[in-house]
N, C-alpha and C. Protein backbone atom coordinates (compact mmCIF):
# COMPACT_ATOMS: atom_id res chain seq x y z
N MET A 1 0.84 -1.18 0.00
CA MET A 1 0.00 0.00 0.00
C MET A 1 0.89 1.25 0.00
N LYS A 2 0.65 2.14 -0.95
CA LYS A 2 1.42 3.38 -1.03
C LYS A 2 0.73 4.45 -0.20
N LEU A 3 1.50 5.10 0.64
CA LEU A 3 0.95 6.17 1.46
C LEU A 3 0.69 7.40 0.61
N PRO A 4 -0.32 8.18 0.93
CA PRO A 4 -0.58 9.41 0.18
C PRO A 4 0.56 10.40 0.37
N HIS A 5 0.76 11.24 -0.60
CA HIS A 5 1.80 12.26 -0.54
C HIS A 5 1.25 13.47 0.19
N TYR A 6 1.78 13.76 1.35
CA TYR A 6 1.29 14.89 2.14
C TYR A 6 2.23 16.06 2.01
N PHE A 7 1.68 17.22 2.21
CA PHE A 7 2.45 18.46 2.19
C PHE A 7 2.31 19.09 3.56
N TYR A 8 3.41 19.22 4.29
CA TYR A 8 3.38 19.76 5.64
C TYR A 8 4.00 21.14 5.65
N LEU A 9 3.45 22.00 6.45
CA LEU A 9 4.04 23.33 6.66
C LEU A 9 4.45 23.40 8.12
N LEU A 10 5.72 23.67 8.35
CA LEU A 10 6.24 23.87 9.70
C LEU A 10 6.63 25.33 9.81
N PHE A 11 6.40 25.93 10.95
CA PHE A 11 6.65 27.36 11.10
C PHE A 11 7.76 27.62 12.10
N HIS A 12 8.58 28.60 11.78
CA HIS A 12 9.69 29.00 12.62
C HIS A 12 9.63 30.52 12.74
N SER A 13 9.83 31.07 13.92
CA SER A 13 9.57 32.50 14.09
C SER A 13 10.79 33.32 14.50
N HIS A 14 11.99 32.96 14.05
CA HIS A 14 13.16 33.72 14.49
C HIS A 14 13.85 34.48 13.38
N SER A 15 13.26 34.62 12.23
CA SER A 15 13.93 35.32 11.14
C SER A 15 13.00 36.36 10.55
N HIS A 16 13.45 37.05 9.52
CA HIS A 16 12.70 38.19 9.00
C HIS A 16 11.71 37.85 7.89
N LYS A 17 12.03 37.00 6.99
CA LYS A 17 11.16 36.73 5.84
C LYS A 17 10.63 35.31 5.84
N ALA A 18 9.45 35.14 5.27
CA ALA A 18 8.89 33.79 5.12
C ALA A 18 9.49 33.17 3.87
N LYS A 19 10.14 32.03 4.04
CA LYS A 19 10.72 31.36 2.88
C LYS A 19 10.86 29.87 3.18
N PRO A 20 10.72 29.04 2.18
CA PRO A 20 10.89 27.61 2.41
C PRO A 20 12.36 27.30 2.66
N ILE A 21 12.61 26.37 3.57
CA ILE A 21 13.98 25.99 3.88
C ILE A 21 14.29 24.58 3.38
N PHE A 22 13.38 23.63 3.56
CA PHE A 22 13.62 22.24 3.16
C PHE A 22 12.68 21.83 2.04
N GLY A 23 13.09 20.84 1.27
CA GLY A 23 12.27 20.29 0.20
C GLY A 23 11.75 18.92 0.57
N THR A 24 11.82 17.98 -0.34
CA THR A 24 11.25 16.66 -0.13
C THR A 24 12.13 15.80 0.78
N LEU A 25 11.48 15.11 1.71
CA LEU A 25 12.15 14.14 2.57
C LEU A 25 11.41 12.82 2.41
N GLY A 26 11.83 11.99 1.47
CA GLY A 26 11.15 10.73 1.22
C GLY A 26 9.75 10.97 0.68
N GLU A 27 8.76 10.40 1.35
CA GLU A 27 7.37 10.56 0.95
C GLU A 27 6.74 11.84 1.48
N MET A 28 7.50 12.61 2.24
CA MET A 28 6.94 13.79 2.89
C MET A 28 7.68 15.04 2.44
N GLN A 29 6.95 16.05 2.04
CA GLN A 29 7.57 17.33 1.73
C GLN A 29 7.47 18.19 2.98
N VAL A 30 8.57 18.79 3.36
CA VAL A 30 8.60 19.64 4.55
C VAL A 30 9.08 21.02 4.13
N TRP A 31 8.31 22.02 4.45
CA TRP A 31 8.68 23.41 4.22
C TRP A 31 8.65 24.10 5.56
N ILE A 32 9.64 24.88 5.84
CA ILE A 32 9.64 25.68 7.06
C ILE A 32 9.53 27.13 6.64
N PHE A 33 8.53 27.78 7.15
CA PHE A 33 8.36 29.21 6.89
C PHE A 33 8.79 29.95 8.13
N GLU A 34 9.56 30.99 7.94
CA GLU A 34 10.06 31.76 9.06
C GLU A 34 9.20 32.99 9.29
N ASN A 35 9.16 33.45 10.53
CA ASN A 35 8.48 34.68 10.92
C ASN A 35 7.01 34.66 10.59
N CYS A 36 6.31 33.65 11.03
CA CYS A 36 4.90 33.54 10.73
C CYS A 36 4.02 33.89 11.92
N THR A 37 4.55 34.66 12.82
CA THR A 37 3.73 35.15 13.91
C THR A 37 3.32 36.58 13.59
N ILE A 38 2.18 36.96 14.09
CA ILE A 38 1.69 38.32 13.88
C ILE A 38 2.21 39.18 15.02
N SER A 39 2.82 40.28 14.67
CA SER A 39 3.40 41.19 15.66
C SER A 39 2.38 41.63 16.69
N GLN A 40 2.84 41.80 17.91
CA GLN A 40 1.95 42.29 18.96
C GLN A 40 2.32 43.69 19.39
N GLY A 41 3.11 44.39 18.59
CA GLY A 41 3.44 45.76 18.94
C GLY A 41 4.14 46.49 17.82
N ILE A 42 3.84 47.78 17.70
CA ILE A 42 4.56 48.66 16.78
C ILE A 42 4.86 49.95 17.53
N SER A 43 5.91 50.63 17.08
CA SER A 43 6.29 51.93 17.63
C SER A 43 6.57 52.87 16.46
N PRO A 44 5.52 53.48 15.93
CA PRO A 44 5.67 54.32 14.73
C PRO A 44 6.33 55.66 15.02
N ASN A 45 7.63 55.61 15.35
CA ASN A 45 8.34 56.83 15.70
C ASN A 45 9.38 57.24 14.65
N GLY A 46 9.42 56.53 13.53
CA GLY A 46 10.32 56.90 12.44
C GLY A 46 11.75 56.43 12.59
N ASP A 47 12.03 55.55 13.56
CA ASP A 47 13.40 55.08 13.73
C ASP A 47 13.75 53.88 12.84
N GLY A 48 12.78 53.41 12.05
CA GLY A 48 13.01 52.28 11.15
C GLY A 48 12.86 50.92 11.81
N LEU A 49 12.52 50.87 13.08
CA LEU A 49 12.33 49.61 13.80
C LEU A 49 10.88 49.50 14.24
N ASN A 50 10.19 48.49 13.75
CA ASN A 50 8.79 48.24 14.12
C ASN A 50 7.88 49.45 13.89
N ASP A 51 8.14 50.19 12.82
CA ASP A 51 7.33 51.37 12.53
C ASP A 51 5.97 51.03 11.92
N THR A 52 5.87 49.85 11.29
CA THR A 52 4.61 49.47 10.66
C THR A 52 4.20 48.06 11.10
N PHE A 53 2.94 47.76 10.88
CA PHE A 53 2.36 46.45 11.17
C PHE A 53 2.76 45.53 10.02
N ASP A 54 3.84 44.76 10.22
CA ASP A 54 4.44 43.97 9.15
C ASP A 54 3.90 42.55 9.15
N ILE A 55 3.07 42.25 8.16
CA ILE A 55 2.57 40.89 7.95
C ILE A 55 2.87 40.48 6.50
N SER A 56 4.08 40.84 6.06
CA SER A 56 4.47 40.59 4.66
C SER A 56 4.51 39.11 4.31
N TRP A 57 4.63 38.24 5.29
CA TRP A 57 4.69 36.80 5.05
C TRP A 57 3.34 36.20 4.68
N MET A 58 2.26 36.96 4.88
CA MET A 58 0.95 36.44 4.49
C MET A 58 0.35 37.33 3.40
N SER A 59 -0.51 36.79 2.59
CA SER A 59 -1.16 37.56 1.54
C SER A 59 -2.49 38.08 2.07
N ALA A 60 -2.41 39.22 2.75
CA ALA A 60 -3.60 39.81 3.36
C ALA A 60 -4.40 40.56 2.31
N THR A 61 -5.65 40.17 2.13
CA THR A 61 -6.52 40.87 1.19
C THR A 61 -7.28 41.99 1.88
N SER A 62 -7.39 41.92 3.20
CA SER A 62 -8.09 42.95 3.96
C SER A 62 -7.52 43.02 5.38
N VAL A 63 -7.28 44.24 5.84
CA VAL A 63 -6.86 44.48 7.22
C VAL A 63 -7.73 45.58 7.79
N LYS A 64 -8.30 45.32 8.96
CA LYS A 64 -9.08 46.33 9.68
C LYS A 64 -8.52 46.43 11.09
N ILE A 65 -8.37 47.67 11.56
CA ILE A 65 -7.86 47.94 12.90
C ILE A 65 -8.93 48.70 13.67
N PHE A 66 -9.19 48.26 14.91
CA PHE A 66 -10.22 48.87 15.75
C PHE A 66 -9.61 49.33 17.06
N ASN A 67 -10.18 50.40 17.64
CA ASN A 67 -9.74 50.81 18.96
C ASN A 67 -10.50 50.03 20.03
N ARG A 68 -10.25 50.32 21.29
CA ARG A 68 -10.87 49.55 22.38
C ARG A 68 -12.38 49.75 22.47
N ASN A 69 -12.89 50.79 21.79
CA ASN A 69 -14.34 51.04 21.75
C ASN A 69 -14.99 50.41 20.53
N ARG A 70 -14.26 49.53 19.84
CA ARG A 70 -14.73 48.83 18.65
C ARG A 70 -14.99 49.75 17.46
N ILE A 71 -14.36 50.90 17.46
CA ILE A 71 -14.47 51.84 16.34
C ILE A 71 -13.32 51.58 15.37
N GLU A 72 -13.66 51.39 14.10
CA GLU A 72 -12.63 51.13 13.09
C GLU A 72 -11.80 52.39 12.89
N VAL A 73 -10.49 52.27 13.08
CA VAL A 73 -9.60 53.41 12.90
C VAL A 73 -8.79 53.31 11.61
N TYR A 74 -8.70 52.09 11.03
CA TYR A 74 -7.92 51.90 9.81
C TYR A 74 -8.49 50.72 9.04
N GLN A 75 -8.45 50.83 7.71
CA GLN A 75 -8.92 49.73 6.85
C GLN A 75 -8.13 49.79 5.56
N ALA A 76 -7.72 48.62 5.07
CA ALA A 76 -7.01 48.55 3.78
C ALA A 76 -7.31 47.23 3.10
N ARG A 77 -7.41 47.27 1.77
CA ARG A 77 -7.51 46.07 0.95
C ARG A 77 -6.14 45.83 0.33
N ASN A 78 -5.82 44.54 0.06
CA ASN A 78 -4.51 44.18 -0.50
C ASN A 78 -3.38 44.85 0.29
N TYR A 79 -3.37 44.59 1.56
CA TYR A 79 -2.49 45.24 2.52
C TYR A 79 -1.02 45.01 2.21
N LYS A 80 -0.24 46.09 2.26
CA LYS A 80 1.20 46.04 1.97
C LYS A 80 2.01 46.72 3.08
N ASN A 81 1.74 46.36 4.34
CA ASN A 81 2.49 46.87 5.49
C ASN A 81 2.49 48.38 5.59
N LYS A 82 1.35 48.98 5.34
CA LYS A 82 1.23 50.44 5.35
C LYS A 82 0.79 51.01 6.69
N TRP A 83 0.21 50.17 7.58
CA TRP A 83 -0.30 50.76 8.81
C TRP A 83 0.83 51.05 9.77
N GLY A 84 1.02 52.33 10.00
CA GLY A 84 2.05 52.80 10.92
C GLY A 84 1.43 53.51 12.11
N GLY A 85 0.27 53.01 12.55
CA GLY A 85 -0.38 53.59 13.72
C GLY A 85 -1.23 54.81 13.41
N GLN A 86 -1.57 55.01 12.14
CA GLN A 86 -2.38 56.17 11.78
C GLN A 86 -3.86 55.80 11.70
N ASP A 87 -4.71 56.81 11.92
CA ASP A 87 -6.15 56.59 11.76
C ASP A 87 -6.54 56.87 10.31
N LYS A 88 -7.83 56.85 10.03
CA LYS A 88 -8.31 57.06 8.65
C LYS A 88 -7.97 58.44 8.11
N ASN A 89 -7.71 59.40 9.00
CA ASN A 89 -7.36 60.76 8.58
C ASN A 89 -5.86 61.00 8.52
N GLY A 90 -5.07 59.96 8.81
CA GLY A 90 -3.62 60.09 8.76
C GLY A 90 -2.98 60.52 10.06
N ASN A 91 -3.77 60.71 11.12
CA ASN A 91 -3.24 61.11 12.41
C ASN A 91 -2.77 59.87 13.18
N ILE A 92 -1.65 59.99 13.91
CA ILE A 92 -1.15 58.88 14.72
C ILE A 92 -2.13 58.65 15.87
N VAL A 93 -2.50 57.39 16.08
CA VAL A 93 -3.43 57.05 17.16
C VAL A 93 -2.73 57.17 18.51
N GLN A 94 -3.52 57.21 19.56
CA GLN A 94 -2.97 57.27 20.90
C GLN A 94 -2.29 55.95 21.26
N THR A 95 -1.31 56.02 22.15
CA THR A 95 -0.68 54.81 22.67
C THR A 95 -1.74 53.95 23.32
N GLY A 96 -1.69 52.65 23.01
CA GLY A 96 -2.65 51.73 23.60
C GLY A 96 -2.80 50.46 22.80
N THR A 97 -3.75 49.64 23.21
CA THR A 97 -4.03 48.37 22.56
C THR A 97 -5.11 48.54 21.51
N TYR A 98 -4.86 47.97 20.34
CA TYR A 98 -5.81 48.00 19.22
C TYR A 98 -6.05 46.55 18.80
N PHE A 99 -7.10 46.35 18.05
CA PHE A 99 -7.49 45.01 17.65
C PHE A 99 -7.55 44.93 16.14
N TYR A 100 -7.10 43.82 15.57
CA TYR A 100 -7.08 43.67 14.12
C TYR A 100 -7.96 42.51 13.67
N MET A 101 -8.42 42.62 12.44
CA MET A 101 -9.08 41.54 11.71
C MET A 101 -8.39 41.46 10.36
N ILE A 102 -7.79 40.32 10.07
CA ILE A 102 -7.06 40.13 8.81
C ILE A 102 -7.75 39.02 8.03
N THR A 103 -7.99 39.26 6.76
CA THR A 103 -8.50 38.22 5.86
C THR A 103 -7.41 37.95 4.84
N ASP A 104 -7.06 36.67 4.64
CA ASP A 104 -6.03 36.35 3.66
C ASP A 104 -6.66 35.90 2.34
N GLU A 105 -5.82 35.55 1.37
CA GLU A 105 -6.31 35.21 0.03
C GLU A 105 -7.16 33.94 0.01
N ASP A 106 -7.06 33.11 1.04
CA ASP A 106 -7.90 31.92 1.15
C ASP A 106 -9.18 32.18 1.93
N GLN A 107 -9.44 33.46 2.22
CA GLN A 107 -10.60 33.92 2.99
C GLN A 107 -10.55 33.44 4.44
N GLU A 108 -9.36 33.06 4.90
CA GLU A 108 -9.19 32.70 6.32
C GLU A 108 -9.07 34.00 7.11
N MET A 109 -9.79 34.08 8.21
CA MET A 109 -9.80 35.29 9.01
C MET A 109 -8.99 35.07 10.29
N ARG A 110 -8.17 36.04 10.61
CA ARG A 110 -7.38 36.02 11.85
C ARG A 110 -7.68 37.30 12.60
N ASN A 111 -7.74 37.20 13.91
CA ASN A 111 -7.92 38.41 14.70
C ASN A 111 -7.08 38.33 15.94
N GLY A 112 -6.80 39.47 16.52
CA GLY A 112 -5.96 39.55 17.70
C GLY A 112 -5.76 40.99 18.10
N TRP A 113 -4.72 41.22 18.86
CA TRP A 113 -4.45 42.57 19.35
C TRP A 113 -3.03 43.00 18.98
N ILE A 114 -2.85 44.31 18.99
CA ILE A 114 -1.53 44.90 18.76
C ILE A 114 -1.41 46.15 19.62
N TYR A 115 -0.27 46.31 20.26
CA TYR A 115 -0.02 47.48 21.09
C TYR A 115 0.71 48.51 20.27
N VAL A 116 0.22 49.75 20.29
CA VAL A 116 0.84 50.85 19.58
C VAL A 116 1.45 51.80 20.61
N LYS A 117 2.74 52.03 20.48
CA LYS A 117 3.43 52.99 21.36
C LYS A 117 3.88 54.16 20.52
N GLY A 118 3.24 55.30 20.71
CA GLY A 118 3.52 56.49 19.91
C GLY A 118 4.78 57.22 20.29
């Protein structure tokens, strides 16, 4: 009996870009993607470190950011790491916890929180 060919995704979170590391291992293909965690903080202060909400490893088709009062402060389609803590008018939001809803190209929805330090 021949076993089915499975495709496994293993995730590693200590590097900057998502990229496959390993190929086929016998009957099993193993790919390790790096940095597949969603950031829990940004500091949009212009120093070049954590200035934007970086989810470049996923193909986000929609990103919505809400404040603690459930008011949408930011929304983007085909997101390209543009949210740097600004509201819909371009003003930097207050320091605090915000909540995100991300939809990817497979229509999978992820939600969570992110802390913004101004």
